[in-house]
Amino acid sequence: MIKNSEDYEWFALYTNPRAEKKLKRLFQERKIECFLPLISKKKKWSDRWKIIEEPMYPSYIFVKILFFQDRVKILQLPGAHHFVFYAGKPYVIPDEDISLVQTFLETFPDKIQTKIEEKLTPGEKILIKEGPFTGYHAEIIRKKNEEQIIVKFPGLNLMTSVTLDIKKLQLEDNLGSDF
């Protein structure tokens, strides 16, 4: 992880929403080495399609700093929120990981897709959108793995282990609260 190092190391900085590009500009003005992986996406406006660059990892930017010397001045910049910690220590990102992302962006810019998956947690209410249980509302009791969850159907007072494709579920928060 990290000790009081005299080497510049990469750290992940969590930013305020949509502040990544602004922070990148501020880092460049202050000559602080940073890396903001951007991917091109085609977006539809009301009257046209437009290609825009979005951060590959929303709300994150990577900075190469002397952590204990530079952290305060970094966090004082508008848009900076906090550094990512692991096991109570600031997480040092290996140079190889940053190089790998840079290489991937240069080599396969059109093949990159990032997707933030919704985390299904016990107690959440879902609507099943496809399959034999289409239209049924259920409550997640336990998640067994990435594809299998145990759900409880209201009114039946039964718990059933069902293998469901996560894409065929919709969280109740997105539906309203008539569950």
Protein backbone atom coordinates (compact mmCIF):
# COMPACT_ATOMS: atom_id res chain seq x y z
CA MET A 1 0.00 0.00 0.00
CA ILE A 2 1.62 3.26 1.09
CA LYS A 3 4.18 4.42 3.57
CA ASN A 4 5.78 7.83 3.90
CA SER A 5 7.21 7.55 0.42
CA GLU A 6 9.35 10.11 -1.34
CA ASP A 7 8.24 8.77 -4.74
CA TYR A 8 5.46 10.18 -6.82
CA GLU A 9 2.68 7.60 -6.97
CA TRP A 10 -0.74 7.33 -8.62
CA PHE A 11 -3.86 7.84 -6.51
CA ALA A 12 -7.54 7.81 -7.40
CA LEU A 13 -9.31 11.04 -6.53
CA TYR A 14 -13.09 10.93 -6.22
CA THR A 15 -14.63 14.10 -7.64
CA ASN A 16 -17.91 15.91 -7.38
CA PRO A 17 -20.34 14.89 -10.14
CA ARG A 18 -19.23 16.05 -13.61
CA ALA A 19 -16.14 17.84 -12.26
CA GLU A 20 -13.51 15.54 -13.80
CA LYS A 21 -12.63 17.67 -16.84
CA LYS A 22 -12.51 20.85 -14.78
CA LEU A 23 -10.12 19.23 -12.32
CA LYS A 24 -7.96 17.94 -15.17
CA ARG A 25 -7.62 21.50 -16.46
CA LEU A 26 -6.76 22.76 -12.95
CA PHE A 27 -4.12 20.04 -12.53
CA GLN A 28 -2.57 20.89 -15.88
CA GLU A 29 -2.44 24.60 -14.97
CA ARG A 30 -0.63 23.68 -11.74
CA LYS A 31 1.67 21.19 -13.53
CA ILE A 32 0.35 18.23 -11.52
CA GLU A 33 0.50 14.98 -13.47
CA CYS A 34 -2.97 13.53 -13.91
CA PHE A 35 -4.80 11.00 -16.04
CA LEU A 36 -8.44 11.23 -17.02
CA PRO A 37 -9.41 8.37 -19.33
CA LEU A 38 -12.06 9.65 -21.76
CA ILE A 39 -14.19 7.60 -24.12
CA SER A 40 -16.22 8.87 -27.07
CA LYS A 41 -19.94 8.23 -26.96
CA LYS A 42 -22.65 9.00 -29.46
CA LYS A 43 -25.47 10.92 -27.75
CA LYS A 44 -28.81 11.97 -29.14
CA TRP A 45 -29.89 15.54 -28.72
CA SER A 46 -33.44 16.56 -29.58
CA ASP A 47 -32.42 17.59 -33.09
CA ARG A 48 -29.18 15.70 -33.82
CA TRP A 49 -26.63 13.09 -32.80
CA LYS A 50 -23.39 14.29 -31.28
CA ILE A 51 -20.18 12.54 -30.28
CA ILE A 52 -19.00 13.61 -26.85
CA GLU A 53 -16.14 12.54 -24.63
CA GLU A 54 -17.12 11.22 -21.23
CA PRO A 55 -14.92 9.96 -18.41
CA MET A 56 -14.39 6.22 -18.55
CA TYR A 57 -14.81 6.15 -14.77
CA PRO A 58 -17.39 8.78 -13.78
CA SER A 59 -16.37 10.90 -10.77
CA TYR A 60 -12.75 9.66 -10.75
CA ILE A 61 -9.48 11.16 -11.90
CA PHE A 62 -6.00 9.80 -11.27
CA VAL A 63 -3.18 11.99 -9.95
CA LYS A 64 0.52 11.29 -9.51
CA ILE A 65 1.65 13.06 -6.37
CA LEU A 66 3.61 12.80 -3.15
CA PHE A 67 0.54 11.95 -1.11
CA PHE A 68 1.43 13.28 2.32
CA GLN A 69 2.94 16.45 0.88
CA ASP A 70 0.33 17.27 -1.81
CA ARG A 71 -2.99 15.87 -0.56
CA VAL A 72 -4.23 19.04 1.12
CA LYS A 73 -3.62 21.33 -1.86
CA ILE A 74 -5.33 18.76 -4.12
CA LEU A 75 -8.42 18.49 -1.90
CA GLN A 76 -8.73 22.30 -1.74
CA LEU A 77 -9.36 22.48 -5.49
CA PRO A 78 -13.01 23.01 -6.48
CA GLY A 79 -14.55 19.70 -7.51
CA ALA A 80 -12.17 17.46 -5.54
CA HIS A 81 -13.99 15.36 -2.99
CA HIS A 82 -11.75 12.69 -1.42
CA PHE A 83 -9.03 10.17 -2.15
CA VAL A 84 -9.83 6.48 -2.41
CA PHE A 85 -8.66 4.52 0.62
CA TYR A 86 -8.28 0.78 1.11
CA ALA A 87 -7.87 -0.81 4.54
CA GLY A 88 -7.55 2.65 6.12
CA LYS A 89 -4.70 3.78 3.87
CA PRO A 90 -4.67 5.79 0.64
CA TYR A 91 -4.72 3.29 -2.21
CA VAL A 92 -1.65 3.45 -4.45
CA ILE A 93 -2.43 2.50 -8.05
CA PRO A 94 0.45 0.64 -9.69
CA ASP A 95 2.03 2.35 -12.72
CA GLU A 96 1.29 -0.82 -14.72
CA ASP A 97 -2.46 -0.39 -14.16
CA ILE A 98 -2.41 3.20 -15.43
CA SER A 99 -0.27 2.14 -18.42
CA LEU A 100 -2.68 -0.68 -19.21
CA VAL A 101 -5.66 1.69 -19.30
CA GLN A 102 -3.71 4.17 -21.45
CA THR A 103 -2.69 1.42 -23.88
CA PHE A 104 -6.22 0.08 -24.06
CA LEU A 105 -7.58 3.57 -24.79
CA GLU A 106 -5.01 4.10 -27.57
CA THR A 107 -5.37 0.63 -29.11
CA PHE A 108 -9.10 -0.08 -28.83
CA PRO A 109 -10.89 3.27 -28.40
CA ASP A 110 -14.04 2.06 -30.18
CA LYS A 111 -14.36 -1.18 -28.21
CA ILE A 112 -14.46 0.31 -24.72
CA GLN A 113 -17.70 0.05 -22.85
CA THR A 114 -18.09 0.75 -19.19
CA LYS A 115 -21.21 -0.10 -17.36
CA ILE A 116 -22.03 0.61 -13.76
CA GLU A 117 -24.11 -2.28 -12.61
CA GLU A 118 -26.84 -1.77 -10.10
CA LYS A 119 -26.06 -3.58 -6.90
CA LEU A 120 -28.94 -5.77 -5.84
CA THR A 121 -29.08 -5.90 -2.07
CA PRO A 122 -31.38 -7.73 0.32
CA GLY A 123 -34.59 -5.87 1.06
CA GLU A 124 -34.82 -4.19 -2.33
CA LYS A 125 -38.09 -4.58 -4.19
CA ILE A 126 -37.95 -5.61 -7.85
CA LEU A 127 -40.22 -6.08 -10.84
CA ILE A 128 -39.45 -9.07 -13.07
CA LYS A 129 -39.58 -7.90 -16.70
CA GLU A 130 -39.14 -11.20 -18.63
CA GLY A 131 -39.59 -14.94 -18.25
CA PRO A 132 -42.25 -17.01 -16.50
CA PHE A 133 -42.50 -14.49 -13.63
CA THR A 134 -43.01 -11.47 -15.92
CA GLY A 135 -44.90 -8.70 -14.16
CA TYR A 136 -44.43 -10.14 -10.68
CA HIS A 137 -43.11 -7.99 -7.89
CA ALA A 138 -40.67 -9.59 -5.48
CA GLU A 139 -38.30 -8.72 -2.67
CA ILE A 140 -34.65 -9.75 -2.71
CA ILE A 141 -33.85 -11.91 0.30
CA ARG A 142 -30.29 -12.92 -0.55
CA LYS A 143 -27.95 -12.74 -3.53
CA LYS A 144 -26.20 -16.05 -4.17
CA ASN A 145 -23.95 -15.00 -7.05
CA GLU A 146 -23.94 -12.67 -10.05
CA GLU A 147 -26.96 -14.35 -11.67
CA GLN A 148 -28.90 -16.03 -8.89
CA ILE A 149 -30.94 -14.36 -6.21
CA ILE A 150 -33.42 -15.63 -3.66
CA VAL A 151 -36.68 -13.71 -3.84
CA LYS A 152 -39.86 -13.59 -1.78
CA PHE A 153 -43.14 -13.10 -3.55
CA PRO A 154 -45.60 -11.02 -1.50
CA GLY A 155 -48.83 -12.73 -0.52
CA LEU A 156 -47.35 -16.20 -0.93
CA ASN A 157 -45.03 -15.95 2.06
CA LEU A 158 -42.69 -18.25 0.19
CA MET A 159 -39.01 -17.87 -0.48
CA THR A 160 -37.92 -19.19 -3.83
CA SER A 161 -34.45 -19.57 -5.25
CA VAL A 162 -34.67 -18.37 -8.82
CA THR A 163 -31.91 -17.92 -11.35
CA LEU A 164 -32.68 -14.61 -13.00
CA ASP A 165 -30.80 -12.55 -15.53
CA ILE A 166 -30.09 -9.29 -13.70
CA LYS A 167 -31.01 -7.37 -16.88
CA LYS A 168 -34.57 -8.70 -16.60
CA LEU A 169 -35.17 -6.98 -13.28
CA GLN A 170 -36.15 -3.43 -12.48
CA LEU A 171 -35.67 -1.92 -9.05
CA GLU A 172 -38.87 -0.69 -7.42
CA ASP A 173 -37.31 2.76 -6.78
CA ASN A 174 -37.56 3.29 -10.52
CA LEU A 175 -41.23 2.27 -10.55
CA GLY A 176 -42.85 4.07 -7.66
CA SER A 177 -43.92 2.78 -4.26
CA ASP A 178 -47.06 0.75 -4.83
CA PHE A 179 -45.45 -2.48 -3.65
